[in-house]
């Protein structure tokens, strides 16, 4: 698979793998199946794995640590700190303090079984704590060799500029897809101005853009999409119009809607790396193939026209979840 560069020098596969769903949020987990997906990802040339300490919590890092110990695969690991959860509870708080980040980093290193985290993100920003203070703590971890690069998630342009002035930020990770384009206004231009890479999570709209879900779709126990506004029946019925356009282009190209959605993102700029998540080999292989698919000028124009004319109904998170974005 082709490589892309985040920031000045972090080379990763053009498509990464989001690992969150292997542990929770999208229904029951199956560790053996997830390990098979991780092994197949490496076979396909995917060398950029994305996790966080709060996925599980801790289970996802432990799973990847088990994979790394068994396979000795040469991959880049991105993980995150800042969202604090207790085992068995969904309730969360935010902690960006230097003391907590150091404990969190040490915990992640131990669970992953590695000596250095390639890309360490602030998962959510504490609006009450100066970002400069957080960056100084991360810079100390970088000097000590515990982390290779620093990333920020769901930040606004002003916060990003202030952070980058303290220590170079390698990547910003924020939701970006055909139905979530907020970053195009300020964040992407700021990233390009400062030479910062962009990692797009949920590039398939949490599966909605693949056409798998329609108004009234039933979700497995533990699947948090059942609570998301965009998946509510009325909103889903409205949002299905965009999926129909994607399906039409996919049929013309003899590919899948997911591949069209990923090809659209990849074609936006070579400093964007999508990290679709999956716990199924079938979907992993489908997503990886998108790296070799290019949309024509006409196909891109059809999508852009649809995005301009068709409304996206519903917020991407609940009201509580939206408090953590654009921070």
C-alpha atoms as a PDB file:
ATOM      1  CA  UNK A   1       0.000   0.000   0.000  1.00  0.00           C
ATOM      2  CA  UNK A   2       1.107   3.555  -0.675  1.00  0.00           C
ATOM      3  CA  UNK A   3       2.560   5.590   2.171  1.00  0.00           C
ATOM      4  CA  UNK A   4       1.594   9.095   3.250  1.00  0.00           C
ATOM      5  CA  UNK A   5       3.447  11.500   5.517  1.00  0.00           C
ATOM      6  CA  UNK A   6       1.902  13.100   8.584  1.00  0.00           C
ATOM      7  CA  UNK A   7       3.678  16.278   9.595  1.00  0.00           C
ATOM      8  CA  UNK A   8       7.289  16.511   8.507  1.00  0.00           C
ATOM      9  CA  UNK A   9       8.359  12.891   8.864  1.00  0.00           C
ATOM     10  CA  UNK A  10       5.827  10.330  10.164  1.00  0.00           C
ATOM     11  CA  UNK A  11       5.339   7.917   7.265  1.00  0.00           C
ATOM     12  CA  UNK A  12       2.252   5.691   7.506  1.00  0.00           C
ATOM     13  CA  UNK A  13       0.076   3.619   5.187  1.00  0.00           C
ATOM     14  CA  UNK A  14      -2.415   5.683   3.175  1.00  0.00           C
ATOM     15  CA  UNK A  15      -5.226   3.939   5.037  1.00  0.00           C
ATOM     16  CA  UNK A  16      -4.878   3.093   8.713  1.00  0.00           C
ATOM     17  CA  UNK A  17      -6.952   0.866  10.962  1.00  0.00           C
ATOM     18  CA  UNK A  18      -9.155   2.200  13.733  1.00  0.00           C
ATOM     19  CA  UNK A  19      -9.256  -0.451  16.452  1.00  0.00           C
ATOM     20  CA  UNK A  20     -11.837   0.943  18.890  1.00  0.00           C
ATOM     21  CA  UNK A  21     -14.692  -1.303  17.750  1.00  0.00           C
ATOM     22  CA  UNK A  22     -12.654  -4.395  18.525  1.00  0.00           C
ATOM     23  CA  UNK A  23     -13.216  -3.657  22.206  1.00  0.00           C
ATOM     24  CA  UNK A  24     -16.568  -1.887  22.600  1.00  0.00           C
ATOM     25  CA  UNK A  25     -19.119   0.633  21.319  1.00  0.00           C
ATOM     26  CA  UNK A  26     -20.117  -1.460  18.278  1.00  0.00           C
ATOM     27  CA  UNK A  27     -21.565  -4.572  19.843  1.00  0.00           C
ATOM     28  CA  UNK A  28     -19.945  -7.766  21.222  1.00  0.00           C
ATOM     29  CA  UNK A  29     -16.216  -8.307  20.881  1.00  0.00           C
ATOM     30  CA  UNK A  30     -14.300 -11.346  19.715  1.00  0.00           C
ATOM     31  CA  UNK A  31     -10.585 -11.144  20.470  1.00  0.00           C
ATOM     32  CA  UNK A  32      -9.558 -14.019  18.230  1.00  0.00           C
ATOM     33  CA  UNK A  33     -11.379 -12.542  15.253  1.00  0.00           C
ATOM     34  CA  UNK A  34      -9.880  -9.146  15.991  1.00  0.00           C
ATOM     35  CA  UNK A  35      -6.376 -10.627  16.124  1.00  0.00           C
ATOM     36  CA  UNK A  36      -7.012 -12.208  12.731  1.00  0.00           C
ATOM     37  CA  UNK A  37      -8.026  -8.791  11.384  1.00  0.00           C
ATOM     38  CA  UNK A  38      -4.830  -7.235  12.751  1.00  0.00           C
ATOM     39  CA  UNK A  39      -2.709  -9.933  11.125  1.00  0.00           C
ATOM     40  CA  UNK A  40      -4.487  -9.504   7.801  1.00  0.00           C
ATOM     41  CA  UNK A  41      -4.092  -5.724   7.992  1.00  0.00           C
ATOM     42  CA  UNK A  42      -0.323  -6.096   8.140  1.00  0.00           C
ATOM     43  CA  UNK A  43      -0.447  -8.522   5.198  1.00  0.00           C
ATOM     44  CA  UNK A  44      -2.299  -5.854   3.210  1.00  0.00           C
ATOM     45  CA  UNK A  45       0.324  -3.209   3.946  1.00  0.00           C
ATOM     46  CA  UNK A  46      -1.601  -1.342   6.639  1.00  0.00           C
ATOM     47  CA  UNK A  47       0.983  -0.268   9.196  1.00  0.00           C
ATOM     48  CA  UNK A  48      -0.874   2.446  11.134  1.00  0.00           C
ATOM     49  CA  UNK A  49      -2.959   1.215  14.090  1.00  0.00           C
ATOM     50  CA  UNK A  50      -5.107   3.629  16.092  1.00  0.00           C
ATOM     51  CA  UNK A  51      -6.197   2.957  19.659  1.00  0.00           C
ATOM     52  CA  UNK A  52      -6.726   4.759  22.989  1.00  0.00           C
ATOM     53  CA  UNK A  53      -6.426   3.921  26.656  1.00  0.00           C
ATOM     54  CA  UNK A  54     -10.162   4.534  27.192  1.00  0.00           C
ATOM     55  CA  UNK A  55     -11.247   1.891  24.675  1.00  0.00           C
ATOM     56  CA  UNK A  56     -12.308  -0.933  26.935  1.00  0.00           C
ATOM     57  CA  UNK A  57     -11.079   0.842  29.000  1.00  0.00           C
ATOM     58  CA  UNK A  58      -7.540  -0.536  28.493  1.00  0.00           C
ATOM     59  CA  UNK A  59      -8.720  -3.661  26.671  1.00  0.00           C
ATOM     60  CA  UNK A  60      -7.911  -2.331  23.213  1.00  0.00           C
ATOM     61  CA  UNK A  61      -4.310  -1.490  24.068  1.00  0.00           C
ATOM     62  CA  UNK A  62      -3.928  -4.881  25.720  1.00  0.00           C
ATOM     63  CA  UNK A  63      -5.294  -6.555  22.593  1.00  0.00           C
ATOM     64  CA  UNK A  64      -2.863  -4.709  20.349  1.00  0.00           C
ATOM     65  CA  UNK A  65      -0.061  -5.458  22.790  1.00  0.00           C
ATOM     66  CA  UNK A  66      -0.899  -9.152  22.507  1.00  0.00           C
ATOM     67  CA  UNK A  67      -0.860  -8.873  18.709  1.00  0.00           C
ATOM     68  CA  UNK A  68       2.512  -7.120  18.715  1.00  0.00           C
ATOM     69  CA  UNK A  69       4.014  -9.692  21.058  1.00  0.00           C
ATOM     70  CA  UNK A  70       2.841 -12.560  18.872  1.00  0.00           C
ATOM     71  CA  UNK A  71       3.601 -11.105  15.448  1.00  0.00           C
ATOM     72  CA  UNK A  72       6.519  -8.707  15.925  1.00  0.00           C
ATOM     73  CA  UNK A  73       4.893  -6.680  13.153  1.00  0.00           C
ATOM     74  CA  UNK A  74       6.563  -3.418  12.177  1.00  0.00           C
ATOM     75  CA  UNK A  75       3.706  -0.969  12.622  1.00  0.00           C
ATOM     76  CA  UNK A  76       3.188   2.562  13.862  1.00  0.00           C
ATOM     77  CA  UNK A  77       1.050   2.840  16.966  1.00  0.00           C
ATOM     78  CA  UNK A  78      -1.130   5.839  17.710  1.00  0.00           C
ATOM     79  CA  UNK A  79      -2.827   5.968  21.078  1.00  0.00           C
ATOM     80  CA  UNK A  80      -4.498   8.631  23.190  1.00  0.00           C
ATOM     81  CA  UNK A  81      -4.933   9.897  26.732  1.00  0.00           C
ATOM     82  CA  UNK A  82      -7.183  12.428  28.398  1.00  0.00           C
ATOM     83  CA  UNK A  83     -10.575  10.708  28.697  1.00  0.00           C
ATOM     84  CA  UNK A  84     -10.782   9.048  32.091  1.00  0.00           C
ATOM     85  CA  UNK A  85     -13.157   6.100  32.600  1.00  0.00           C
ATOM     86  CA  UNK A  86     -13.522   3.479  35.259  1.00  0.00           C
ATOM     87  CA  UNK A  87     -13.932  -0.185  34.218  1.00  0.00           C
ATOM     88  CA  UNK A  88     -17.576  -1.046  33.690  1.00  0.00           C
ATOM     89  CA  UNK A  89     -18.701   2.581  33.582  1.00  0.00           C
ATOM     90  CA  UNK A  90     -19.475   4.888  30.666  1.00  0.00           C
ATOM     91  CA  UNK A  91     -19.215   8.061  32.753  1.00  0.00           C
ATOM     92  CA  UNK A  92     -16.098   9.990  31.874  1.00  0.00           C
ATOM     93  CA  UNK A  93     -14.028  13.002  32.823  1.00  0.00           C
ATOM     94  CA  UNK A  94     -11.191  14.887  31.121  1.00  0.00           C
ATOM     95  CA  UNK A  95      -7.677  15.156  32.539  1.00  0.00           C
ATOM     96  CA  UNK A  96      -4.896  16.812  30.533  1.00  0.00           C
ATOM     97  CA  UNK A  97      -2.554  17.451  33.466  1.00  0.00           C
ATOM     98  CA  UNK A  98       1.137  16.638  33.135  1.00  0.00           C
ATOM     99  CA  UNK A  99       0.990  14.236  36.067  1.00  0.00           C
ATOM    100  CA  UNK A 100      -1.932  12.292  34.678  1.00  0.00           C
ATOM    101  CA  UNK A 101      -0.531  12.184  31.130  1.00  0.00           C
ATOM    102  CA  UNK A 102       2.725  10.730  32.426  1.00  0.00           C
ATOM    103  CA  UNK A 103       0.884   7.985  34.315  1.00  0.00           C
ATOM    104  CA  UNK A 104      -1.321   7.370  31.306  1.00  0.00           C
ATOM    105  CA  UNK A 105       1.667   7.172  28.967  1.00  0.00           C
ATOM    106  CA  UNK A 106       3.473   4.703  31.198  1.00  0.00           C
ATOM    107  CA  UNK A 107       0.321   2.595  31.380  1.00  0.00           C
ATOM    108  CA  UNK A 108      -0.104   2.596  27.601  1.00  0.00           C
ATOM    109  CA  UNK A 109       3.537   1.645  27.027  1.00  0.00           C
ATOM    110  CA  UNK A 110       3.171  -1.277  29.415  1.00  0.00           C
ATOM    111  CA  UNK A 111      -0.095  -2.529  27.924  1.00  0.00           C
ATOM    112  CA  UNK A 112       1.193  -2.195  24.365  1.00  0.00           C
ATOM    113  CA  UNK A 113       4.526  -3.798  25.249  1.00  0.00           C
ATOM    114  CA  UNK A 114       6.548  -1.109  23.463  1.00  0.00           C
ATOM    115  CA  UNK A 115       9.211   1.386  24.448  1.00  0.00           C
ATOM    116  CA  UNK A 116       7.912   4.348  22.458  1.00  0.00           C
ATOM    117  CA  UNK A 117       4.480   5.437  21.234  1.00  0.00           C
ATOM    118  CA  UNK A 118       4.790   6.630  17.645  1.00  0.00           C
ATOM    119  CA  UNK A 119       1.946   9.159  17.858  1.00  0.00           C
ATOM    120  CA  UNK A 120       0.456  10.227  21.185  1.00  0.00           C
ATOM    121  CA  UNK A 121      -2.773  12.201  21.061  1.00  0.00           C
ATOM    122  CA  UNK A 122      -4.637  14.351  23.539  1.00  0.00           C
ATOM    123  CA  UNK A 123      -7.968  12.552  23.136  1.00  0.00           C
ATOM    124  CA  UNK A 124     -10.137  15.445  24.299  1.00  0.00           C
ATOM    125  CA  UNK A 125      -9.112  18.924  25.364  1.00  0.00           C
ATOM    126  CA  UNK A 126      -9.692  20.193  28.891  1.00  0.00           C
ATOM    127  CA  UNK A 127     -11.173  23.626  28.231  1.00  0.00           C
ATOM    128  CA  UNK A 128     -10.250  24.759  31.750  1.00  0.00           C
ATOM    129  CA  UNK A 129      -6.524  24.027  31.367  1.00  0.00           C
ATOM    130  CA  UNK A 130      -4.221  26.088  29.112  1.00  0.00           C
ATOM    131  CA  UNK A 131      -3.202  24.012  26.097  1.00  0.00           C
ATOM    132  CA  UNK A 132       0.331  25.348  26.544  1.00  0.00           C
ATOM    133  CA  UNK A 133       0.586  23.530  29.873  1.00  0.00           C
ATOM    134  CA  UNK A 134      -0.541  20.265  28.288  1.00  0.00           C
ATOM    135  CA  UNK A 135       1.916  20.640  25.412  1.00  0.00           C
ATOM    136  CA  UNK A 136       4.804  21.287  27.786  1.00  0.00           C
ATOM    137  CA  UNK A 137       4.050  17.968  29.501  1.00  0.00           C
ATOM    138  CA  UNK A 138       3.926  16.188  26.141  1.00  0.00           C
ATOM    139  CA  UNK A 139       7.167  17.853  25.067  1.00  0.00           C
ATOM    140  CA  UNK A 140       8.845  16.407  28.166  1.00  0.00           C
ATOM    141  CA  UNK A 141       7.666  12.903  27.228  1.00  0.00           C
ATOM    142  CA  UNK A 142       9.006  13.486  23.710  1.00  0.00           C
ATOM    143  CA  UNK A 143      12.415  14.553  25.020  1.00  0.00           C
ATOM    144  CA  UNK A 144      12.553  11.402  27.139  1.00  0.00           C
ATOM    145  CA  UNK A 145      11.852   9.232  24.085  1.00  0.00           C
ATOM    146  CA  UNK A 146       8.570   7.859  25.411  1.00  0.00           C
ATOM    147  CA  UNK A 147       6.618   9.328  22.487  1.00  0.00           C
ATOM    148  CA  UNK A 148       7.748  10.016  18.938  1.00  0.00           C
ATOM    149  CA  UNK A 149       5.149  12.545  17.804  1.00  0.00           C
ATOM    150  CA  UNK A 150       2.337  14.608  19.326  1.00  0.00           C
ATOM    151  CA  UNK A 151      -1.243  14.757  18.095  1.00  0.00           C
ATOM    152  CA  UNK A 152      -4.450  16.533  19.085  1.00  0.00           C
ATOM    153  CA  UNK A 153      -8.046  15.367  18.637  1.00  0.00           C
ATOM    154  CA  UNK A 154     -11.129  17.472  17.971  1.00  0.00           C
ATOM    155  CA  UNK A 155      -9.452  20.878  18.401  1.00  0.00           C
ATOM    156  CA  UNK A 156     -10.305  24.213  16.870  1.00  0.00           C
ATOM    157  CA  UNK A 157      -7.853  26.285  14.823  1.00  0.00           C
ATOM    158  CA  UNK A 158      -6.963  28.690  17.635  1.00  0.00           C
ATOM    159  CA  UNK A 159      -6.109  25.879  20.053  1.00  0.00           C
ATOM    160  CA  UNK A 160      -4.047  24.174  17.371  1.00  0.00           C
ATOM    161  CA  UNK A 161      -2.005  27.309  16.703  1.00  0.00           C
ATOM    162  CA  UNK A 162      -1.321  27.840  20.402  1.00  0.00           C
ATOM    163  CA  UNK A 163      -0.304  24.205  20.849  1.00  0.00           C
ATOM    164  CA  UNK A 164       1.955  24.168  17.794  1.00  0.00           C
ATOM    165  CA  UNK A 165       3.758  27.269  19.061  1.00  0.00           C
ATOM    166  CA  UNK A 166       4.909  25.297  22.137  1.00  0.00           C
ATOM    167  CA  UNK A 167       5.944  22.097  20.356  1.00  0.00           C
ATOM    168  CA  UNK A 168       5.351  20.834  16.807  1.00  0.00           C
ATOM    169  CA  UNK A 169       2.076  18.972  16.377  1.00  0.00           C
ATOM    170  CA  UNK A 170       2.369  16.131  13.871  1.00  0.00           C
ATOM    171  CA  UNK A 171      -1.304  15.294  13.337  1.00  0.00           C
ATOM    172  CA  UNK A 172      -4.823  16.374  14.133  1.00  0.00           C
ATOM    173  CA  UNK A 173      -7.460  13.649  14.385  1.00  0.00           C
ATOM    174  CA  UNK A 174     -11.083  14.643  13.868  1.00  0.00           C
ATOM    175  CA  UNK A 175     -14.149  13.072  12.321  1.00  0.00           C
ATOM    176  CA  UNK A 176     -14.231  13.704   8.556  1.00  0.00           C
ATOM    177  CA  UNK A 177     -16.362  12.047   5.921  1.00  0.00           C
ATOM    178  CA  UNK A 178     -18.940  12.743   3.243  1.00  0.00           C
ATOM    179  CA  UNK A 179     -21.484  13.623   5.934  1.00  0.00           C
ATOM    180  CA  UNK A 180     -19.120  15.384   8.386  1.00  0.00           C
ATOM    181  CA  UNK A 181     -17.164  18.198   6.727  1.00  0.00           C
ATOM    182  CA  UNK A 182     -16.794  20.817   9.472  1.00  0.00           C
ATOM    183  CA  UNK A 183     -12.997  20.593   9.321  1.00  0.00           C
ATOM    184  CA  UNK A 184     -12.903  22.026   5.807  1.00  0.00           C
ATOM    185  CA  UNK A 185     -13.701  25.524   7.094  1.00  0.00           C
ATOM    186  CA  UNK A 186     -10.730  26.169   9.401  1.00  0.00           C
ATOM    187  CA  UNK A 187      -8.939  23.079  10.660  1.00  0.00           C
ATOM    188  CA  UNK A 188      -7.709  21.653   7.354  1.00  0.00           C
ATOM    189  CA  UNK A 189      -6.446  25.042   6.073  1.00  0.00           C
ATOM    190  CA  UNK A 190      -4.648  25.597   9.388  1.00  0.00           C
ATOM    191  CA  UNK A 191      -3.082  22.135   9.269  1.00  0.00           C
ATOM    192  CA  UNK A 192      -1.780  22.823   5.772  1.00  0.00           C
ATOM    193  CA  UNK A 193      -0.450  26.219   6.735  1.00  0.00           C
ATOM    194  CA  UNK A 194       1.465  24.728   9.679  1.00  0.00           C
ATOM    195  CA  UNK A 195       2.547  21.497   7.959  1.00  0.00           C
ATOM    196  CA  UNK A 196       0.418  19.265  10.176  1.00  0.00           C
ATOM    197  CA  UNK A 197      -1.092  16.011   8.922  1.00  0.00           C
ATOM    198  CA  UNK A 198      -4.751  15.112   9.270  1.00  0.00           C
ATOM    199  CA  UNK A 199      -6.159  11.759  10.418  1.00  0.00           C
ATOM    200  CA  UNK A 200      -9.828  11.222   9.585  1.00  0.00           C
ATOM    201  CA  UNK A 201     -11.767   9.005  11.972  1.00  0.00           C
ATOM    202  CA  UNK A 202     -15.199   7.575  11.166  1.00  0.00           C
ATOM    203  CA  UNK A 203     -14.562   8.138   7.433  1.00  0.00           C
ATOM    204  CA  UNK A 204     -17.507   5.838   6.652  1.00  0.00           C
ATOM    205  CA  UNK A 205     -19.936   7.687   8.896  1.00  0.00           C
ATOM    206  CA  UNK A 206     -19.845   4.893  11.508  1.00  0.00           C
ATOM    207  CA  UNK A 207     -21.013   2.541   8.780  1.00  0.00           C
ATOM    208  CA  UNK A 208     -23.966   4.621   7.574  1.00  0.00           C
ATOM    209  CA  UNK A 209     -22.261   5.641   4.323  1.00  0.00           C
ATOM    210  CA  UNK A 210     -21.804   1.978   3.397  1.00  0.00           C
ATOM    211  CA  UNK A 211     -25.566   1.584   3.070  1.00  0.00           C
ATOM    212  CA  UNK A 212     -25.811  -0.981   5.861  1.00  0.00           C
ATOM    213  CA  UNK A 213     -28.176   1.110   7.969  1.00  0.00           C
ATOM    214  CA  UNK A 214     -31.519   2.663   7.139  1.00  0.00           C
ATOM    215  CA  UNK A 215     -34.308   4.305   9.093  1.00  0.00           C
ATOM    216  CA  UNK A 216     -35.450   1.876  11.783  1.00  0.00           C
ATOM    217  CA  UNK A 217     -32.293  -0.287  11.694  1.00  0.00           C
ATOM    218  CA  UNK A 218     -31.847  -2.416  14.804  1.00  0.00           C
ATOM    219  CA  UNK A 219     -28.511  -2.433  16.611  1.00  0.00           C
ATOM    220  CA  UNK A 220     -26.859  -5.101  18.727  1.00  0.00           C
ATOM    221  CA  UNK A 221     -26.724  -4.649  22.480  1.00  0.00           C
ATOM    222  CA  UNK A 222     -23.867  -2.338  23.364  1.00  0.00           C
ATOM    223  CA  UNK A 223     -23.848  -0.544  20.001  1.00  0.00           C
ATOM    224  CA  UNK A 224     -23.774   3.161  20.813  1.00  0.00           C
ATOM    225  CA  UNK A 225     -24.998   4.141  17.348  1.00  0.00           C
ATOM    226  CA  UNK A 226     -28.504   3.484  18.663  1.00  0.00           C
ATOM    227  CA  UNK A 227     -28.115   6.683  20.730  1.00  0.00           C
ATOM    228  CA  UNK A 228     -26.608   8.898  18.013  1.00  0.00           C
ATOM    229  CA  UNK A 229     -28.923  11.543  16.523  1.00  0.00           C
ATOM    230  CA  UNK A 230     -27.976  10.865  12.896  1.00  0.00           C
ATOM    231  CA  UNK A 231     -29.115   7.248  13.224  1.00  0.00           C
ATOM    232  CA  UNK A 232     -32.505   8.177  14.671  1.00  0.00           C
ATOM    233  CA  UNK A 233     -35.278   7.066  12.262  1.00  0.00           C
ATOM    234  CA  UNK A 234     -36.319  10.498  10.979  1.00  0.00           C
ATOM    235  CA  UNK A 235     -32.749  11.686  10.536  1.00  0.00           C
ATOM    236  CA  UNK A 236     -31.634   8.414   8.973  1.00  0.00           C
ATOM    237  CA  UNK A 237     -34.422   8.664   6.405  1.00  0.00           C
ATOM    238  CA  UNK A 238     -33.172  12.118   5.381  1.00  0.00           C
ATOM    239  CA  UNK A 239     -29.519  11.078   5.355  1.00  0.00           C
ATOM    240  CA  UNK A 240     -30.247   8.069   3.155  1.00  0.00           C
ATOM    241  CA  UNK A 241     -30.484  10.406   0.143  1.00  0.00           C
ATOM    242  CA  UNK A 242     -26.726  10.983   0.278  1.00  0.00           C
ATOM    243  CA  UNK A 243     -26.087   7.261   0.568  1.00  0.00           C
ATOM    244  CA  UNK A 244     -28.170   6.705  -2.561  1.00  0.00           C
ATOM    245  CA  UNK A 245     -25.832   9.003  -4.506  1.00  0.00           C
ATOM    246  CA  UNK A 246     -22.787   7.149  -3.192  1.00  0.00           C
ATOM    247  CA  UNK A 247     -24.394   3.833  -4.125  1.00  0.00           C
ATOM    248  CA  UNK A 248     -25.020   5.078  -7.657  1.00  0.00           C
ATOM    249  CA  UNK A 249     -21.377   5.979  -8.181  1.00  0.00           C
ATOM    250  CA  UNK A 250     -20.280   2.676  -6.656  1.00  0.00           C
ATOM    251  CA  UNK A 251     -22.492   0.758  -9.085  1.00  0.00           C
ATOM    252  CA  UNK A 252     -20.983   2.625 -12.042  1.00  0.00           C
ATOM    253  CA  UNK A 253     -17.426   1.910 -10.829  1.00  0.00           C
ATOM    254  CA  UNK A 254     -18.144  -1.698  -9.851  1.00  0.00           C
ATOM    255  CA  UNK A 255     -16.963  -1.076  -6.322  1.00  0.00           C
ATOM    256  CA  UNK A 256     -18.648  -0.623  -2.939  1.00  0.00           C
ATOM    257  CA  UNK A 257     -20.099   2.533  -1.363  1.00  0.00           C
ATOM    258  CA  UNK A 258     -17.442   2.289   1.357  1.00  0.00           C
ATOM    259  CA  UNK A 259     -14.717   2.374  -1.273  1.00  0.00           C
ATOM    260  CA  UNK A 260     -16.271   5.442  -2.895  1.00  0.00           C
ATOM    261  CA  UNK A 261     -16.396   7.236   0.471  1.00  0.00           C
ATOM    262  CA  UNK A 262     -12.753   6.412   1.199  1.00  0.00           C
ATOM    263  CA  UNK A 263     -11.611   7.282  -2.333  1.00  0.00           C
ATOM    264  CA  UNK A 264     -13.303  10.675  -1.964  1.00  0.00           C
ATOM    265  CA  UNK A 265     -11.321  11.362   1.222  1.00  0.00           C
ATOM    266  CA  UNK A 266      -8.027  10.084  -0.168  1.00  0.00           C
ATOM    267  CA  UNK A 267      -8.479  12.256  -3.235  1.00  0.00           C
ATOM    268  CA  UNK A 268      -8.898  15.411  -1.178  1.00  0.00           C
ATOM    269  CA  UNK A 269      -5.196  15.699  -0.329  1.00  0.00           C
ATOM    270  CA  UNK A 270      -2.193  13.466   0.248  1.00  0.00           C
ATOM    271  CA  UNK A 271      -1.843  14.742   3.824  1.00  0.00           C
ATOM    272  CA  UNK A 272      -5.109  13.071   4.857  1.00  0.00           C
ATOM    273  CA  UNK A 273      -5.049   9.534   6.273  1.00  0.00           C
ATOM    274  CA  UNK A 274      -8.419   7.883   6.958  1.00  0.00           C
ATOM    275  CA  UNK A 275      -8.605   5.228   9.670  1.00  0.00           C
ATOM    276  CA  UNK A 276     -11.766   3.199   9.039  1.00  0.00           C
ATOM    277  CA  UNK A 277     -12.468   0.805  11.869  1.00  0.00           C
ATOM    278  CA  UNK A 278     -13.602  -2.770  11.501  1.00  0.00           C
ATOM    279  CA  UNK A 279     -13.501  -6.123  13.269  1.00  0.00           C
ATOM    280  CA  UNK A 280     -14.253  -8.142  10.134  1.00  0.00           C
ATOM    281  CA  UNK A 281     -11.666  -9.288   7.569  1.00  0.00           C
ATOM    282  CA  UNK A 282     -14.180  -8.840   4.753  1.00  0.00           C
ATOM    283  CA  UNK A 283     -14.568  -5.131   5.448  1.00  0.00           C
ATOM    284  CA  UNK A 284     -10.858  -4.687   6.134  1.00  0.00           C
ATOM    285  CA  UNK A 285      -9.986  -6.015   2.687  1.00  0.00           C
ATOM    286  CA  UNK A 286     -12.687  -3.893   1.091  1.00  0.00           C
ATOM    287  CA  UNK A 287     -11.371  -0.763   2.789  1.00  0.00           C
ATOM    288  CA  UNK A 288      -7.759  -1.498   1.846  1.00  0.00           C
ATOM    289  CA  UNK A 289      -8.703  -1.814  -1.824  1.00  0.00           C
ATOM    290  CA  UNK A 290     -10.004   1.762  -1.742  1.00  0.00           C
ATOM    291  CA  UNK A 291      -6.410   2.991  -1.786  1.00  0.00           C
ATOM    292  CA  UNK A 292      -6.205   1.923  -5.444  1.00  0.00           C
ATOM    293  CA  UNK A 293      -9.500   3.518  -6.494  1.00  0.00           C
ATOM    294  CA  UNK A 294      -9.616   7.031  -7.954  1.00  0.00           C
ATOM    295  CA  UNK A 295     -12.748   9.032  -8.611  1.00  0.00           C
ATOM    296  CA  UNK A 296     -13.057  10.745 -11.968  1.00  0.00           C
ATOM    297  CA  UNK A 297     -13.605  14.497 -12.236  1.00  0.00           C
ATOM    298  CA  UNK A 298     -17.242  13.858 -13.096  1.00  0.00           C
ATOM    299  CA  UNK A 299     -17.781  11.442 -10.202  1.00  0.00           C
ATOM    300  CA  UNK A 300     -16.255  13.924  -7.789  1.00  0.00           C
ATOM    301  CA  UNK A 301     -18.475  16.669  -9.198  1.00  0.00           C
ATOM    302  CA  UNK A 302     -21.589  14.527  -8.698  1.00  0.00           C
ATOM    303  CA  UNK A 303     -20.621  13.966  -5.069  1.00  0.00           C
ATOM    304  CA  UNK A 304     -19.866  17.626  -4.463  1.00  0.00           C
ATOM    305  CA  UNK A 305     -23.204  18.644  -5.939  1.00  0.00           C
ATOM    306  CA  UNK A 306     -24.996  16.125  -3.737  1.00  0.00           C
ATOM    307  CA  UNK A 307     -23.148  17.401  -0.673  1.00  0.00           C
ATOM    308  CA  UNK A 308     -24.203  20.942  -1.511  1.00  0.00           C
ATOM    309  CA  UNK A 309     -27.856  20.106  -2.136  1.00  0.00           C
ATOM    310  CA  UNK A 310     -28.669  17.316   0.289  1.00  0.00           C
ATOM    311  CA  UNK A 311     -28.993  18.127   4.000  1.00  0.00           C
ATOM    312  CA  UNK A 312     -27.307  16.093   6.717  1.00  0.00           C
ATOM    313  CA  UNK A 313     -29.786  15.704   9.535  1.00  0.00           C
ATOM    314  CA  UNK A 314     -28.760  15.316  13.174  1.00  0.00           C
ATOM    315  CA  UNK A 315     -25.635  16.023  15.211  1.00  0.00           C
ATOM    316  CA  UNK A 316     -22.813  13.499  15.099  1.00  0.00           C
ATOM    317  CA  UNK A 317     -22.875  12.982  18.899  1.00  0.00           C
ATOM    318  CA  UNK A 318     -25.381  13.448  21.675  1.00  0.00           C
ATOM    319  CA  UNK A 319     -25.449  16.869  23.325  1.00  0.00           C
ATOM    320  CA  UNK A 320     -23.006  15.623  25.971  1.00  0.00           C
ATOM    321  CA  UNK A 321     -20.630  14.237  23.362  1.00  0.00           C
ATOM    322  CA  UNK A 322     -20.693  17.445  21.334  1.00  0.00           C
ATOM    323  CA  UNK A 323     -19.231  19.318  24.302  1.00  0.00           C
ATOM    324  CA  UNK A 324     -15.878  17.686  23.573  1.00  0.00           C
ATOM    325  CA  UNK A 325     -15.517  18.707  19.912  1.00  0.00           C
ATOM    326  CA  UNK A 326     -14.007  21.839  18.362  1.00  0.00           C
ATOM    327  CA  UNK A 327     -12.258  22.568  21.668  1.00  0.00           C
END
